[in-house]
C-alpha atoms as a PDB file:
ATOM      1  CA  UNK A   1      25.949  36.925 -46.352  1.00  0.00           C
ATOM      2  CA  UNK A   2      22.759  36.067 -48.251  1.00  0.00           C
ATOM      3  CA  UNK A   3      22.057  32.512 -49.347  1.00  0.00           C
ATOM      4  CA  UNK A   4      22.105  33.498 -53.037  1.00  0.00           C
ATOM      5  CA  UNK A   5      25.454  35.222 -52.576  1.00  0.00           C
ATOM      6  CA  UNK A   6      26.843  32.114 -50.876  1.00  0.00           C
ATOM      7  CA  UNK A   7      25.530  29.999 -53.742  1.00  0.00           C
ATOM      8  CA  UNK A   8      27.249  32.178 -56.359  1.00  0.00           C
ATOM      9  CA  UNK A   9      30.428  32.302 -54.287  1.00  0.00           C
ATOM     10  CA  UNK A  10      30.464  28.530 -53.928  1.00  0.00           C
ATOM     11  CA  UNK A  11      29.970  27.986 -57.657  1.00  0.00           C
ATOM     12  CA  UNK A  12      32.644  30.515 -58.648  1.00  0.00           C
ATOM     13  CA  UNK A  13      35.224  29.235 -56.163  1.00  0.00           C
ATOM     14  CA  UNK A  14      34.654  25.641 -57.190  1.00  0.00           C
ATOM     15  CA  UNK A  15      34.894  26.505 -60.891  1.00  0.00           C
ATOM     16  CA  UNK A  16      38.193  28.330 -60.399  1.00  0.00           C
ATOM     17  CA  UNK A  17      39.658  25.553 -58.279  1.00  0.00           C
ATOM     18  CA  UNK A  18      38.651  22.814 -60.718  1.00  0.00           C
ATOM     19  CA  UNK A  19      39.977  24.871 -63.626  1.00  0.00           C
ATOM     20  CA  UNK A  20      43.379  25.132 -61.903  1.00  0.00           C
ATOM     21  CA  UNK A  21      43.337  21.394 -61.177  1.00  0.00           C
ATOM     22  CA  UNK A  22      42.579  20.577 -64.812  1.00  0.00           C
ATOM     23  CA  UNK A  23      45.487  22.774 -65.953  1.00  0.00           C
ATOM     24  CA  UNK A  24      47.916  21.350 -63.391  1.00  0.00           C
ATOM     25  CA  UNK A  25      47.042  17.663 -63.546  1.00  0.00           C
ATOM     26  CA  UNK A  26      48.683  16.890 -66.950  1.00  0.00           C
ATOM     27  CA  UNK A  27      51.966  18.339 -65.713  1.00  0.00           C
ATOM     28  CA  UNK A  28      51.773  16.238 -62.532  1.00  0.00           C
ATOM     29  CA  UNK A  29      50.878  13.076 -64.414  1.00  0.00           C
ATOM     30  CA  UNK A  30      53.762  13.439 -66.850  1.00  0.00           C
ATOM     31  CA  UNK A  31      56.030  10.599 -65.798  1.00  0.00           C
ATOM     32  CA  UNK A  32      58.317  10.666 -68.796  1.00  0.00           C
ATOM     33  CA  UNK A  33      61.889   9.892 -67.954  1.00  0.00           C
ATOM     34  CA  UNK A  34      64.513  12.444 -68.802  1.00  0.00           C
ATOM     35  CA  UNK A  35      67.770  11.322 -70.283  1.00  0.00           C
ATOM     36  CA  UNK A  36      70.065  13.582 -68.283  1.00  0.00           C
ATOM     37  CA  UNK A  37      70.657  14.133 -64.615  1.00  0.00           C
ATOM     38  CA  UNK A  38      70.291  17.901 -65.050  1.00  0.00           C
ATOM     39  CA  UNK A  39      66.824  17.564 -66.595  1.00  0.00           C
ATOM     40  CA  UNK A  40      65.762  15.190 -63.822  1.00  0.00           C
ATOM     41  CA  UNK A  41      67.033  17.591 -61.157  1.00  0.00           C
ATOM     42  CA  UNK A  42      65.233  20.487 -62.822  1.00  0.00           C
ATOM     43  CA  UNK A  43      62.011  18.485 -62.871  1.00  0.00           C
ATOM     44  CA  UNK A  44      62.450  17.685 -59.181  1.00  0.00           C
ATOM     45  CA  UNK A  45      63.017  21.382 -58.413  1.00  0.00           C
ATOM     46  CA  UNK A  46      59.847  22.281 -60.322  1.00  0.00           C
ATOM     47  CA  UNK A  47      57.885  19.737 -58.311  1.00  0.00           C
ATOM     48  CA  UNK A  48      59.343  21.043 -55.045  1.00  0.00           C
ATOM     49  CA  UNK A  49      58.305  24.560 -56.061  1.00  0.00           C
ATOM     50  CA  UNK A  50      54.801  23.309 -56.839  1.00  0.00           C
ATOM     51  CA  UNK A  51      54.517  21.606 -53.433  1.00  0.00           C
ATOM     52  CA  UNK A  52      55.823  24.616 -51.511  1.00  0.00           C
ATOM     53  CA  UNK A  53      54.409  27.593 -53.435  1.00  0.00           C
ATOM     54  CA  UNK A  54      51.498  26.620 -55.648  1.00  0.00           C
ATOM     55  CA  UNK A  55      49.641  23.872 -53.806  1.00  0.00           C
ATOM     56  CA  UNK A  56      49.299  25.414 -50.279  1.00  0.00           C
ATOM     57  CA  UNK A  57      47.200  28.398 -51.453  1.00  0.00           C
ATOM     58  CA  UNK A  58      44.955  26.031 -53.398  1.00  0.00           C
ATOM     59  CA  UNK A  59      44.477  23.891 -50.296  1.00  0.00           C
ATOM     60  CA  UNK A  60      43.421  27.042 -48.442  1.00  0.00           C
ATOM     61  CA  UNK A  61      40.962  27.816 -51.237  1.00  0.00           C
ATOM     62  CA  UNK A  62      39.583  24.291 -50.919  1.00  0.00           C
ATOM     63  CA  UNK A  63      39.109  24.805 -47.177  1.00  0.00           C
ATOM     64  CA  UNK A  64      37.265  28.082 -47.768  1.00  0.00           C
ATOM     65  CA  UNK A  65      35.145  26.391 -50.422  1.00  0.00           C
ATOM     66  CA  UNK A  66      34.194  23.606 -48.007  1.00  0.00           C
ATOM     67  CA  UNK A  67      33.296  26.187 -45.356  1.00  0.00           C
ATOM     68  CA  UNK A  68      31.167  28.159 -47.812  1.00  0.00           C
ATOM     69  CA  UNK A  69      29.448  24.987 -49.017  1.00  0.00           C
ATOM     70  CA  UNK A  70      28.703  23.802 -45.468  1.00  0.00           C
ATOM     71  CA  UNK A  71      27.425  27.247 -44.454  1.00  0.00           C
ATOM     72  CA  UNK A  72      25.156  27.313 -47.496  1.00  0.00           C
ATOM     73  CA  UNK A  73      23.800  23.829 -46.747  1.00  0.00           C
ATOM     74  CA  UNK A  74      23.160  24.750 -43.101  1.00  0.00           C
ATOM     75  CA  UNK A  75      21.336  27.979 -43.971  1.00  0.00           C
ATOM     76  CA  UNK A  76      19.168  26.217 -46.519  1.00  0.00           C
ATOM     77  CA  UNK A  77      18.349  23.428 -44.056  1.00  0.00           C
ATOM     78  CA  UNK A  78      17.472  25.907 -41.292  1.00  0.00           C
ATOM     79  CA  UNK A  79      15.181  27.869 -43.589  1.00  0.00           C
ATOM     80  CA  UNK A  80      13.393  24.694 -44.704  1.00  0.00           C
ATOM     81  CA  UNK A  81      14.605  24.927 -48.284  1.00  0.00           C
ATOM     82  CA  UNK A  82      15.965  22.022 -50.324  1.00  0.00           C
ATOM     83  CA  UNK A  83      19.689  21.331 -50.156  1.00  0.00           C
ATOM     84  CA  UNK A  84      21.986  22.875 -52.733  1.00  0.00           C
ATOM     85  CA  UNK A  85      23.181  20.326 -55.280  1.00  0.00           C
ATOM     86  CA  UNK A  86      26.076  21.576 -57.414  1.00  0.00           C
ATOM     87  CA  UNK A  87      26.301  20.648 -61.064  1.00  0.00           C
ATOM     88  CA  UNK A  88      27.765  17.263 -61.852  1.00  0.00           C
ATOM     89  CA  UNK A  89      31.502  17.143 -61.202  1.00  0.00           C
ATOM     90  CA  UNK A  90      31.429  20.348 -59.160  1.00  0.00           C
ATOM     91  CA  UNK A  91      31.162  18.807 -55.711  1.00  0.00           C
ATOM     92  CA  UNK A  92      33.615  19.815 -53.004  1.00  0.00           C
ATOM     93  CA  UNK A  93      34.611  16.171 -52.590  1.00  0.00           C
ATOM     94  CA  UNK A  94      35.537  15.988 -56.290  1.00  0.00           C
ATOM     95  CA  UNK A  95      37.868  18.972 -55.947  1.00  0.00           C
ATOM     96  CA  UNK A  96      39.344  17.362 -52.830  1.00  0.00           C
ATOM     97  CA  UNK A  97      40.012  14.164 -54.701  1.00  0.00           C
ATOM     98  CA  UNK A  98      41.672  16.100 -57.507  1.00  0.00           C
ATOM     99  CA  UNK A  99      43.936  17.947 -55.066  1.00  0.00           C
ATOM    100  CA  UNK A 100      45.493  14.725 -53.783  1.00  0.00           C
ATOM    101  CA  UNK A 101      47.940  14.828 -56.700  1.00  0.00           C
END
């Protein structure tokens, strides 16, 4: 894979992952208490579904993104070119921090 292709792939993957995180985070941070046991149980079921079905594929995407980023950095270093610096807020570590929710 060419360095430019890796660069584009890294940017696109990171953008998609951060977009998903931004959409999901408000739902995760909603700590409002529900007045009934049924609503609380439903909320718990939704969270269990998130943890078992939605989050694992995103963690895999994060792993692939880290691999792509590290491969890109290594290829640039070996060819004597400057390191790739993603746009502000688009670092792999930022997406990792966001996925801890």
